[in-house]
Amino acid sequence: MPGFFDRLVSRIDKIDAESLQFQMQRLARERGLLETVFQSIQEGVMVLDNEGRLSYANRAAERLLGFDAEKLRNHSMIRYLHDLDWEHLADAGRDEAWRHLLSREIEVTYPEHRFLSMYAVPLQDAQPDGQGILIILRDITRDRAQEASLLEGERFNAVKLLAAGVAHEIGNPLNALNIHLELLARELKALPEN
């Protein structure tokens, strides 16, 4: 389905210069707005070709993975996302049976140790060869730490409950023994001394 830009290009010879200038300014404004939105969100957004070469990355992606998008444009991102099966991703982008979304958690150690939730979606007609991969990264390190803290708290509560149960189970026979010892002590006092 052709978009606005494709229709504009197909009719470019029929459009007067003023209308063309207006449409180009409109496209530039829309592109600027989209760029501002992508640069403002906390999730990392990257567009790669099927070989894993970078076409676009927002600031969040640069921050999460520790790279400079301008320096790495058209360079492989495989070293930054080494946990991914790039051949599978590239083949999946060409395959009709592609599940439309790949989702997984990955661990990165540079620029700092983090856990990231990664979503990868094939892009049709996003690259000159017609294929590409959109990758969205979300930092879930804090979520992981909260889960670990919650699990630790649950473990501690389980140990407390177990200790209370054990103490109760030990306490019952000890109380019975204590009562019997008190009874024996009374009987001993009641006995004559010879």
N, C-alpha and C. Protein backbone atom coordinates (compact mmCIF):
# COMPACT_ATOMS: atom_id res chain seq x y z
N MET A 1 0.85 -1.17 0.00
CA MET A 1 0.00 0.00 0.00
C MET A 1 0.90 1.23 0.00
N PRO A 2 0.83 2.03 -1.03
CA PRO A 2 1.71 3.21 -1.11
C PRO A 2 1.30 4.27 -0.09
N GLY A 3 2.32 4.87 0.51
CA GLY A 3 2.09 5.92 1.47
C GLY A 3 2.04 7.28 0.81
N PHE A 4 1.89 8.29 1.64
CA PHE A 4 1.79 9.67 1.15
C PHE A 4 3.02 10.05 0.34
N PHE A 5 4.18 9.72 0.87
CA PHE A 5 5.43 10.09 0.19
C PHE A 5 5.52 9.43 -1.19
N ASP A 6 5.14 8.15 -1.27
CA ASP A 6 5.18 7.45 -2.56
C ASP A 6 4.24 8.10 -3.56
N ARG A 7 3.04 8.47 -3.10
CA ARG A 7 2.09 9.13 -4.01
C ARG A 7 2.62 10.49 -4.45
N LEU A 8 3.27 11.21 -3.51
CA LEU A 8 3.83 12.52 -3.85
C LEU A 8 4.92 12.38 -4.91
N VAL A 9 5.80 11.41 -4.72
CA VAL A 9 6.89 11.21 -5.67
C VAL A 9 6.34 10.81 -7.05
N SER A 10 5.30 9.99 -7.07
CA SER A 10 4.74 9.56 -8.36
C SER A 10 4.10 10.72 -9.13
N ARG A 11 3.68 11.77 -8.41
CA ARG A 11 3.04 12.92 -9.08
C ARG A 11 3.90 14.17 -9.03
N ILE A 12 5.17 14.03 -8.75
CA ILE A 12 6.03 15.19 -8.54
C ILE A 12 6.10 16.11 -9.76
N ASP A 13 6.02 15.53 -10.95
CA ASP A 13 6.09 16.38 -12.15
C ASP A 13 4.81 17.16 -12.39
N LYS A 14 3.72 16.82 -11.69
CA LYS A 14 2.44 17.52 -11.87
C LYS A 14 2.19 18.55 -10.78
N ILE A 15 3.08 18.65 -9.80
CA ILE A 15 2.87 19.55 -8.67
C ILE A 15 3.69 20.82 -8.89
N ASP A 16 3.05 21.96 -8.60
CA ASP A 16 3.77 23.22 -8.76
C ASP A 16 4.80 23.37 -7.64
N ALA A 17 5.76 24.23 -7.84
CA ALA A 17 6.89 24.40 -6.92
C ALA A 17 6.44 24.79 -5.52
N GLU A 18 5.44 25.66 -5.42
CA GLU A 18 4.98 26.12 -4.11
C GLU A 18 4.33 24.97 -3.33
N SER A 19 3.50 24.17 -4.00
CA SER A 19 2.87 23.01 -3.34
C SER A 19 3.92 21.99 -2.93
N LEU A 20 4.89 21.78 -3.80
CA LEU A 20 5.96 20.84 -3.50
C LEU A 20 6.75 21.30 -2.28
N GLN A 21 7.07 22.58 -2.24
CA GLN A 21 7.80 23.12 -1.10
C GLN A 21 6.98 22.96 0.18
N PHE A 22 5.68 23.23 0.12
CA PHE A 22 4.80 23.08 1.28
C PHE A 22 4.79 21.63 1.77
N GLN A 23 4.67 20.68 0.83
CA GLN A 23 4.63 19.26 1.20
C GLN A 23 5.96 18.81 1.80
N MET A 24 7.05 19.29 1.25
CA MET A 24 8.37 18.93 1.79
C MET A 24 8.56 19.49 3.19
N GLN A 25 8.10 20.72 3.42
CA GLN A 25 8.18 21.31 4.76
C GLN A 25 7.31 20.51 5.73
N ARG A 26 6.15 20.09 5.26
CA ARG A 26 5.26 19.29 6.10
C ARG A 26 5.93 17.96 6.47
N LEU A 27 6.52 17.32 5.48
CA LEU A 27 7.24 16.06 5.75
C LEU A 27 8.39 16.28 6.73
N ALA A 28 9.12 17.36 6.56
CA ALA A 28 10.24 17.66 7.46
C ALA A 28 9.74 17.88 8.88
N ARG A 29 8.60 18.60 9.04
CA ARG A 29 8.03 18.81 10.38
C ARG A 29 7.60 17.49 11.00
N GLU A 30 6.93 16.65 10.21
CA GLU A 30 6.49 15.36 10.72
C GLU A 30 7.68 14.49 11.11
N ARG A 31 8.71 14.51 10.29
CA ARG A 31 9.91 13.74 10.60
C ARG A 31 10.55 14.27 11.88
N GLY A 32 10.60 15.59 12.02
CA GLY A 32 11.15 16.20 13.23
C GLY A 32 10.36 15.82 14.47
N LEU A 33 9.03 15.79 14.34
CA LEU A 33 8.18 15.40 15.46
C LEU A 33 8.45 13.95 15.84
N LEU A 34 8.47 13.08 14.86
CA LEU A 34 8.74 11.67 15.14
C LEU A 34 10.12 11.47 15.76
N GLU A 35 11.10 12.19 15.26
CA GLU A 35 12.45 12.10 15.82
C GLU A 35 12.46 12.54 17.28
N THR A 36 11.74 13.63 17.58
CA THR A 36 11.65 14.12 18.96
C THR A 36 11.00 13.07 19.86
N VAL A 37 9.92 12.46 19.37
CA VAL A 37 9.23 11.43 20.15
C VAL A 37 10.16 10.25 20.40
N PHE A 38 10.82 9.75 19.36
CA PHE A 38 11.70 8.60 19.52
C PHE A 38 12.89 8.91 20.43
N GLN A 39 13.39 10.12 20.39
CA GLN A 39 14.52 10.49 21.24
C GLN A 39 14.09 10.71 22.69
N SER A 40 12.80 10.93 22.93
CA SER A 40 12.31 11.25 24.28
C SER A 40 11.90 10.02 25.08
N ILE A 41 11.57 8.94 24.44
CA ILE A 41 11.07 7.78 25.18
C ILE A 41 12.21 7.05 25.89
N GLN A 42 11.86 6.36 26.97
CA GLN A 42 12.86 5.66 27.78
C GLN A 42 13.29 4.33 27.16
N GLU A 43 12.45 3.75 26.33
CA GLU A 43 12.78 2.49 25.69
C GLU A 43 13.77 2.73 24.57
N GLY A 44 14.70 1.80 24.43
CA GLY A 44 15.64 1.89 23.32
C GLY A 44 14.98 1.41 22.04
N VAL A 45 15.14 2.16 20.97
CA VAL A 45 14.57 1.80 19.67
C VAL A 45 15.70 1.75 18.66
N MET A 46 15.80 0.62 17.96
CA MET A 46 16.82 0.46 16.92
C MET A 46 16.19 -0.16 15.69
N VAL A 47 16.67 0.25 14.54
CA VAL A 47 16.30 -0.38 13.27
C VAL A 47 17.58 -0.94 12.68
N LEU A 48 17.55 -2.24 12.38
CA LEU A 48 18.70 -2.93 11.81
C LEU A 48 18.31 -3.55 10.48
N ASP A 49 19.30 -3.74 9.63
CA ASP A 49 19.02 -4.53 8.43
C ASP A 49 19.13 -6.01 8.81
N ASN A 50 18.87 -6.90 7.87
CA ASN A 50 18.88 -8.33 8.19
C ASN A 50 20.26 -8.88 8.51
N GLU A 51 21.29 -8.11 8.25
CA GLU A 51 22.65 -8.52 8.60
C GLU A 51 23.04 -8.01 9.99
N GLY A 52 22.13 -7.31 10.65
CA GLY A 52 22.42 -6.78 11.98
C GLY A 52 23.12 -5.44 11.97
N ARG A 53 23.14 -4.75 10.82
CA ARG A 53 23.78 -3.44 10.73
C ARG A 53 22.79 -2.35 11.14
N LEU A 54 23.28 -1.39 11.87
CA LEU A 54 22.45 -0.33 12.43
C LEU A 54 22.04 0.70 11.38
N SER A 55 20.73 0.96 11.32
CA SER A 55 20.20 2.03 10.47
C SER A 55 19.77 3.22 11.32
N TYR A 56 19.19 2.93 12.50
CA TYR A 56 18.70 4.00 13.37
C TYR A 56 18.76 3.52 14.81
N ALA A 57 19.06 4.44 15.72
CA ALA A 57 18.98 4.15 17.16
C ALA A 57 18.68 5.45 17.88
N ASN A 58 17.81 5.36 18.88
CA ASN A 58 17.54 6.56 19.68
C ASN A 58 18.53 6.63 20.84
N ARG A 59 18.46 7.74 21.59
CA ARG A 59 19.41 7.95 22.70
C ARG A 59 19.29 6.87 23.77
N ALA A 60 18.07 6.40 24.03
CA ALA A 60 17.90 5.37 25.05
C ALA A 60 18.64 4.09 24.66
N ALA A 61 18.59 3.71 23.39
CA ALA A 61 19.32 2.52 22.94
C ALA A 61 20.82 2.73 23.10
N GLU A 62 21.29 3.93 22.77
CA GLU A 62 22.72 4.24 22.95
C GLU A 62 23.11 4.11 24.42
N ARG A 63 22.27 4.63 25.31
CA ARG A 63 22.56 4.60 26.75
C ARG A 63 22.52 3.17 27.28
N LEU A 64 21.51 2.39 26.89
CA LEU A 64 21.36 1.03 27.40
C LEU A 64 22.49 0.11 26.95
N LEU A 65 22.96 0.30 25.72
CA LEU A 65 23.99 -0.60 25.18
C LEU A 65 25.38 0.02 25.11
N GLY A 66 25.49 1.32 25.40
CA GLY A 66 26.80 1.96 25.46
C GLY A 66 27.48 2.15 24.12
N PHE A 67 26.79 2.73 23.16
CA PHE A 67 27.41 3.00 21.86
C PHE A 67 26.96 4.36 21.34
N ASP A 68 27.63 4.83 20.32
CA ASP A 68 27.29 6.09 19.65
C ASP A 68 26.70 5.74 18.28
N ALA A 69 25.43 6.05 18.09
CA ALA A 69 24.73 5.65 16.86
C ALA A 69 25.36 6.26 15.61
N GLU A 70 25.83 7.48 15.71
CA GLU A 70 26.44 8.11 14.53
C GLU A 70 27.69 7.36 14.08
N LYS A 71 28.48 6.91 15.04
CA LYS A 71 29.71 6.19 14.70
C LYS A 71 29.43 4.78 14.20
N LEU A 72 28.32 4.19 14.65
CA LEU A 72 28.05 2.79 14.30
C LEU A 72 27.02 2.63 13.19
N ARG A 73 26.53 3.72 12.63
CA ARG A 73 25.55 3.60 11.54
C ARG A 73 26.15 2.74 10.43
N ASN A 74 25.37 1.78 9.98
CA ASN A 74 25.76 0.80 8.94
C ASN A 74 26.83 -0.19 9.41
N HIS A 75 27.07 -0.26 10.72
CA HIS A 75 27.99 -1.25 11.28
C HIS A 75 27.18 -2.30 12.03
N SER A 76 27.77 -3.47 12.18
CA SER A 76 27.10 -4.59 12.84
C SER A 76 26.88 -4.31 14.32
N MET A 77 25.71 -4.70 14.81
CA MET A 77 25.37 -4.57 16.23
C MET A 77 25.50 -5.90 16.95
N ILE A 78 26.03 -6.89 16.27
CA ILE A 78 26.10 -8.23 16.84
C ILE A 78 26.88 -8.25 18.15
N ARG A 79 27.95 -7.48 18.26
CA ARG A 79 28.74 -7.50 19.50
C ARG A 79 27.98 -6.89 20.67
N TYR A 80 27.02 -6.01 20.41
CA TYR A 80 26.23 -5.41 21.48
C TYR A 80 25.05 -6.29 21.88
N LEU A 81 24.57 -7.08 20.96
CA LEU A 81 23.45 -7.98 21.23
C LEU A 81 23.87 -9.41 20.89
N HIS A 82 24.94 -9.86 21.54
CA HIS A 82 25.54 -11.15 21.19
C HIS A 82 24.69 -12.34 21.59
N ASP A 83 23.69 -12.16 22.47
CA ASP A 83 22.85 -13.28 22.88
C ASP A 83 21.83 -13.67 21.82
N LEU A 84 21.70 -12.89 20.76
CA LEU A 84 20.67 -13.15 19.76
C LEU A 84 21.16 -14.11 18.69
N ASP A 85 20.24 -14.90 18.19
CA ASP A 85 20.51 -15.79 17.06
C ASP A 85 20.22 -14.99 15.79
N TRP A 86 21.25 -14.31 15.27
CA TRP A 86 21.07 -13.39 14.15
C TRP A 86 20.61 -14.10 12.89
N GLU A 87 21.10 -15.31 12.66
CA GLU A 87 20.68 -16.04 11.46
C GLU A 87 19.19 -16.33 11.52
N HIS A 88 18.71 -16.73 12.70
CA HIS A 88 17.29 -17.00 12.87
C HIS A 88 16.47 -15.73 12.66
N LEU A 89 16.94 -14.63 13.23
CA LEU A 89 16.23 -13.36 13.06
C LEU A 89 16.16 -12.95 11.60
N ALA A 90 17.27 -13.04 10.90
CA ALA A 90 17.30 -12.65 9.49
C ALA A 90 16.40 -13.57 8.66
N ASP A 91 16.47 -14.87 8.92
CA ASP A 91 15.62 -15.81 8.18
C ASP A 91 14.16 -15.59 8.52
N ALA A 92 13.89 -15.31 9.78
CA ALA A 92 12.51 -15.09 10.19
C ALA A 92 11.93 -13.87 9.50
N GLY A 93 12.76 -12.85 9.28
CA GLY A 93 12.28 -11.66 8.59
C GLY A 93 11.87 -11.94 7.16
N ARG A 94 12.48 -12.96 6.55
CA ARG A 94 12.14 -13.31 5.16
C ARG A 94 11.03 -14.36 5.10
N ASP A 95 10.83 -15.06 6.18
CA ASP A 95 9.92 -16.20 6.22
C ASP A 95 8.47 -15.74 6.39
N GLU A 96 7.58 -16.36 5.62
CA GLU A 96 6.15 -16.06 5.74
C GLU A 96 5.61 -16.51 7.10
N ALA A 97 6.25 -17.49 7.69
CA ALA A 97 5.76 -18.03 8.96
C ALA A 97 6.28 -17.25 10.16
N TRP A 98 6.91 -16.12 9.92
CA TRP A 98 7.43 -15.28 11.02
C TRP A 98 6.31 -14.98 11.99
N ARG A 99 6.58 -15.11 13.24
CA ARG A 99 5.55 -14.96 14.27
C ARG A 99 5.25 -13.51 14.60
N HIS A 100 5.76 -12.59 13.86
CA HIS A 100 5.52 -11.15 14.00
C HIS A 100 6.21 -10.52 15.19
N LEU A 101 6.63 -11.31 16.16
CA LEU A 101 7.27 -10.70 17.31
C LEU A 101 8.16 -11.73 17.99
N LEU A 102 9.37 -11.32 18.27
CA LEU A 102 10.28 -12.13 19.07
C LEU A 102 10.48 -11.38 20.37
N SER A 103 10.27 -12.06 21.47
CA SER A 103 10.39 -11.41 22.77
C SER A 103 11.28 -12.26 23.65
N ARG A 104 12.25 -11.62 24.29
CA ARG A 104 13.10 -12.35 25.23
C ARG A 104 13.79 -11.36 26.15
N GLU A 105 14.34 -11.90 27.22
CA GLU A 105 15.15 -11.09 28.13
C GLU A 105 16.61 -11.37 27.84
N ILE A 106 17.39 -10.31 27.84
CA ILE A 106 18.82 -10.47 27.61
C ILE A 106 19.58 -9.76 28.72
N GLU A 107 20.80 -10.20 28.93
CA GLU A 107 21.66 -9.61 29.95
C GLU A 107 22.83 -8.94 29.25
N VAL A 108 23.09 -7.69 29.60
CA VAL A 108 24.25 -6.98 29.05
C VAL A 108 25.14 -6.56 30.21
N THR A 109 26.42 -6.48 29.94
CA THR A 109 27.36 -6.10 31.00
C THR A 109 28.04 -4.77 30.74
N TYR A 110 27.81 -4.19 29.56
CA TYR A 110 28.42 -2.90 29.24
C TYR A 110 27.34 -1.98 28.72
N PRO A 111 27.30 -0.74 29.10
CA PRO A 111 28.21 0.03 29.93
C PRO A 111 28.04 -0.27 31.42
N GLU A 112 26.95 -0.92 31.79
CA GLU A 112 26.79 -1.42 33.15
C GLU A 112 25.94 -2.68 33.08
N HIS A 113 26.01 -3.46 34.15
CA HIS A 113 25.27 -4.72 34.17
C HIS A 113 23.77 -4.42 34.23
N ARG A 114 23.04 -4.94 33.24
CA ARG A 114 21.59 -4.71 33.16
C ARG A 114 20.90 -5.95 32.59
N PHE A 115 19.61 -6.00 32.90
CA PHE A 115 18.73 -6.97 32.27
C PHE A 115 17.78 -6.17 31.40
N LEU A 116 17.64 -6.59 30.15
CA LEU A 116 16.80 -5.87 29.20
C LEU A 116 15.73 -6.80 28.65
N SER A 117 14.55 -6.27 28.52
CA SER A 117 13.49 -6.96 27.80
C SER A 117 13.60 -6.50 26.36
N MET A 118 13.69 -7.46 25.44
CA MET A 118 13.90 -7.11 24.04
C MET A 118 12.75 -7.65 23.20
N TYR A 119 12.23 -6.78 22.34
CA TYR A 119 11.21 -7.17 21.38
C TYR A 119 11.77 -6.90 19.99
N ALA A 120 11.66 -7.87 19.12
CA ALA A 120 12.13 -7.70 17.74
C ALA A 120 10.98 -8.01 16.79
N VAL A 121 10.79 -7.12 15.83
CA VAL A 121 9.70 -7.25 14.87
C VAL A 121 10.29 -7.03 13.48
N PRO A 122 9.93 -7.87 12.51
CA PRO A 122 10.44 -7.62 11.16
C PRO A 122 9.77 -6.39 10.55
N LEU A 123 10.54 -5.64 9.79
CA LEU A 123 10.01 -4.47 9.09
C LEU A 123 10.05 -4.74 7.60
N GLN A 124 8.94 -4.60 6.95
CA GLN A 124 8.90 -4.73 5.50
C GLN A 124 9.12 -3.36 4.90
N ASP A 125 9.88 -3.27 3.85
CA ASP A 125 10.13 -2.03 3.11
C ASP A 125 10.78 -0.95 3.95
N ALA A 126 11.45 -1.33 5.04
CA ALA A 126 12.11 -0.33 5.89
C ALA A 126 13.52 -0.04 5.41
N GLN A 127 14.10 -0.95 4.68
CA GLN A 127 15.47 -0.81 4.20
C GLN A 127 15.45 -0.82 2.68
N PRO A 128 16.54 -0.41 2.05
CA PRO A 128 16.60 -0.45 0.59
C PRO A 128 16.31 -1.84 0.01
N ASP A 129 16.73 -2.90 0.73
CA ASP A 129 16.45 -4.25 0.23
C ASP A 129 15.07 -4.75 0.65
N GLY A 130 14.30 -3.90 1.32
CA GLY A 130 12.93 -4.25 1.67
C GLY A 130 12.78 -4.95 3.00
N GLN A 131 13.86 -5.25 3.69
CA GLN A 131 13.78 -5.98 4.95
C GLN A 131 14.50 -5.22 6.05
N GLY A 132 14.06 -5.43 7.25
CA GLY A 132 14.72 -4.83 8.39
C GLY A 132 14.14 -5.41 9.66
N ILE A 133 14.74 -5.05 10.77
CA ILE A 133 14.29 -5.54 12.07
C ILE A 133 14.19 -4.35 13.01
N LEU A 134 13.04 -4.19 13.62
CA LEU A 134 12.84 -3.18 14.66
C LEU A 134 13.10 -3.86 15.99
N ILE A 135 13.98 -3.28 16.79
CA ILE A 135 14.27 -3.81 18.12
C ILE A 135 13.93 -2.75 19.15
N ILE A 136 13.14 -3.16 20.14
CA ILE A 136 12.77 -2.28 21.24
C ILE A 136 13.34 -2.88 22.52
N LEU A 137 14.08 -2.07 23.26
CA LEU A 137 14.73 -2.52 24.50
C LEU A 137 14.16 -1.77 25.69
N ARG A 138 13.85 -2.51 26.76
CA ARG A 138 13.36 -1.88 27.98
C ARG A 138 14.20 -2.40 29.14
N ASP A 139 14.69 -1.49 29.97
CA ASP A 139 15.52 -1.86 31.12
C ASP A 139 14.63 -2.44 32.21
N ILE A 140 14.85 -3.71 32.54
CA ILE A 140 14.06 -4.37 33.58
C ILE A 140 14.92 -4.73 34.79
N THR A 141 16.08 -4.09 34.90
CA THR A 141 17.00 -4.38 36.00
C THR A 141 16.33 -4.11 37.34
N ARG A 142 15.67 -2.98 37.48
CA ARG A 142 15.00 -2.62 38.73
C ARG A 142 13.88 -3.62 39.04
N ASP A 143 13.14 -4.03 38.01
CA ASP A 143 12.08 -5.02 38.21
C ASP A 143 12.67 -6.33 38.72
N ARG A 144 13.79 -6.74 38.13
CA ARG A 144 14.45 -7.96 38.57
C ARG A 144 14.89 -7.85 40.03
N ALA A 145 15.45 -6.69 40.41
CA ALA A 145 15.91 -6.49 41.79
C ALA A 145 14.73 -6.53 42.75
N GLN A 146 13.60 -5.94 42.36
CA GLN A 146 12.41 -5.97 43.22
C GLN A 146 11.89 -7.39 43.37
N GLU A 147 11.90 -8.16 42.27
CA GLU A 147 11.48 -9.55 42.34
C GLU A 147 12.39 -10.34 43.27
N ALA A 148 13.69 -10.12 43.17
CA ALA A 148 14.65 -10.82 44.03
C ALA A 148 14.43 -10.45 45.49
N SER A 149 14.18 -9.16 45.75
CA SER A 149 13.92 -8.71 47.11
C SER A 149 12.64 -9.33 47.65
N LEU A 150 11.62 -9.39 46.82
CA LEU A 150 10.35 -10.00 47.23
C LEU A 150 10.53 -11.48 47.52
N LEU A 151 11.28 -12.18 46.68
CA LEU A 151 11.56 -13.60 46.92
C LEU A 151 12.34 -13.80 48.21
N GLU A 152 13.31 -12.92 48.45
CA GLU A 152 14.10 -13.01 49.68
C GLU A 152 13.20 -12.81 50.90
N GLY A 153 12.29 -11.85 50.82
CA GLY A 153 11.34 -11.62 51.91
C GLY A 153 10.43 -12.82 52.13
N GLU A 154 9.99 -13.44 51.04
CA GLU A 154 9.14 -14.63 51.16
C GLU A 154 9.92 -15.79 51.78
N ARG A 155 11.18 -15.94 51.39
CA ARG A 155 12.03 -16.99 51.98
C ARG A 155 12.21 -16.75 53.48
N PHE A 156 12.48 -15.49 53.85
CA PHE A 156 12.67 -15.15 55.25
C PHE A 156 11.41 -15.47 56.05
N ASN A 157 10.24 -15.11 55.51
CA ASN A 157 8.98 -15.40 56.20
C ASN A 157 8.76 -16.90 56.32
N ALA A 158 9.13 -17.66 55.30
CA ALA A 158 8.98 -19.11 55.36
C ALA A 158 9.88 -19.70 56.45
N VAL A 159 11.12 -19.19 56.55
CA VAL A 159 12.04 -19.67 57.59
C VAL A 159 11.51 -19.31 58.98
N LYS A 160 10.96 -18.09 59.12
CA LYS A 160 10.38 -17.69 60.41
C LYS A 160 9.23 -18.61 60.80
N LEU A 161 8.37 -18.91 59.84
CA LEU A 161 7.23 -19.78 60.09
C LEU A 161 7.70 -21.18 60.46
N LEU A 162 8.70 -21.68 59.76
CA LEU A 162 9.26 -22.99 60.06
C LEU A 162 9.87 -23.01 61.46
N ALA A 163 10.63 -21.96 61.79
CA ALA A 163 11.26 -21.89 63.12
C ALA A 163 10.20 -21.83 64.21
N ALA A 164 9.13 -21.08 63.98
CA ALA A 164 8.06 -21.00 64.98
C ALA A 164 7.40 -22.37 65.14
N GLY A 165 7.19 -23.08 64.03
CA GLY A 165 6.59 -24.41 64.10
C GLY A 165 7.48 -25.39 64.83
N VAL A 166 8.78 -25.34 64.53
CA VAL A 166 9.73 -26.24 65.20
C VAL A 166 9.79 -25.92 66.69
N ALA A 167 9.83 -24.63 67.02
CA ALA A 167 9.87 -24.23 68.43
C ALA A 167 8.62 -24.71 69.16
N HIS A 168 7.48 -24.63 68.49
CA HIS A 168 6.23 -25.09 69.11
C HIS A 168 6.27 -26.60 69.32
N GLU A 169 6.75 -27.32 68.30
CA GLU A 169 6.83 -28.78 68.40
C GLU A 169 7.82 -29.22 69.48
N ILE A 170 8.91 -28.49 69.62
CA ILE A 170 9.88 -28.81 70.67
C ILE A 170 9.33 -28.37 72.02
N GLY A 171 8.61 -27.26 72.02
CA GLY A 171 8.09 -26.70 73.27
C GLY A 171 7.06 -27.60 73.94
N ASN A 172 6.23 -28.27 73.19
CA ASN A 172 5.19 -29.13 73.78
C ASN A 172 5.79 -30.22 74.66
N PRO A 173 6.73 -31.04 74.16
CA PRO A 173 7.30 -32.07 75.05
C PRO A 173 8.10 -31.46 76.21
N LEU A 174 8.76 -30.33 75.97
CA LEU A 174 9.52 -29.70 77.05
C LEU A 174 8.59 -29.22 78.15
N ASN A 175 7.44 -28.66 77.77
CA ASN A 175 6.47 -28.22 78.78
C ASN A 175 5.95 -29.40 79.58
N ALA A 176 5.64 -30.49 78.89
CA ALA A 176 5.17 -31.69 79.59
C ALA A 176 6.25 -32.20 80.54
N LEU A 177 7.49 -32.23 80.08
CA LEU A 177 8.61 -32.66 80.91
C LEU A 177 8.77 -31.74 82.12
N ASN A 178 8.65 -30.43 81.90
CA ASN A 178 8.77 -29.45 82.97
C ASN A 178 7.68 -29.66 84.02
N ILE A 179 6.45 -29.92 83.56
CA ILE A 179 5.34 -30.16 84.50
C ILE A 179 5.62 -31.41 85.32
N HIS A 180 6.09 -32.46 84.67
CA HIS A 180 6.39 -33.69 85.40
C HIS A 180 7.53 -33.49 86.40
N LEU A 181 8.52 -32.71 86.04
CA LEU A 181 9.62 -32.43 86.96
C LEU A 181 9.12 -31.65 88.18
N GLU A 182 8.21 -30.69 87.95
CA GLU A 182 7.63 -29.93 89.07
C GLU A 182 6.84 -30.86 90.00
N LEU A 183 6.09 -31.77 89.40
CA LEU A 183 5.32 -32.73 90.22
C LEU A 183 6.27 -33.62 91.03
N LEU A 184 7.35 -34.08 90.40
CA LEU A 184 8.34 -34.89 91.11
C LEU A 184 9.00 -34.09 92.24
N ALA A 185 9.28 -32.82 91.97
CA ALA A 185 9.89 -31.97 92.99
C ALA A 185 8.95 -31.83 94.18
N ARG A 186 7.66 -31.67 93.96
CA ARG A 186 6.68 -31.56 95.05
C ARG A 186 6.62 -32.87 95.85
N GLU A 187 6.62 -33.98 95.11
CA GLU A 187 6.56 -35.27 95.79
C GLU A 187 7.82 -35.50 96.62
N LEU A 188 8.97 -35.06 96.09
CA LEU A 188 10.21 -35.21 96.84
C LEU A 188 10.18 -34.38 98.12
N LYS A 189 9.60 -33.21 98.07
CA LYS A 189 9.50 -32.36 99.25
C LYS A 189 8.56 -32.98 100.27
N ALA A 190 7.56 -33.68 99.79
CA ALA A 190 6.57 -34.27 100.68
C ALA A 190 7.10 -35.54 101.36
N LEU A 191 8.14 -36.14 100.88
CA LEU A 191 8.69 -37.37 101.45
C LEU A 191 9.46 -37.05 102.74
N PRO A 192 9.42 -37.99 103.70
CA PRO A 192 10.23 -37.77 104.89
C PRO A 192 11.72 -37.82 104.55
N GLU A 193 12.53 -37.24 105.38
CA GLU A 193 13.93 -37.08 105.04
C GLU A 193 14.78 -38.32 105.33
N ASN A 194 14.40 -39.30 105.84
CA ASN A 194 15.26 -40.44 106.10
C ASN A 194 15.28 -41.37 104.98
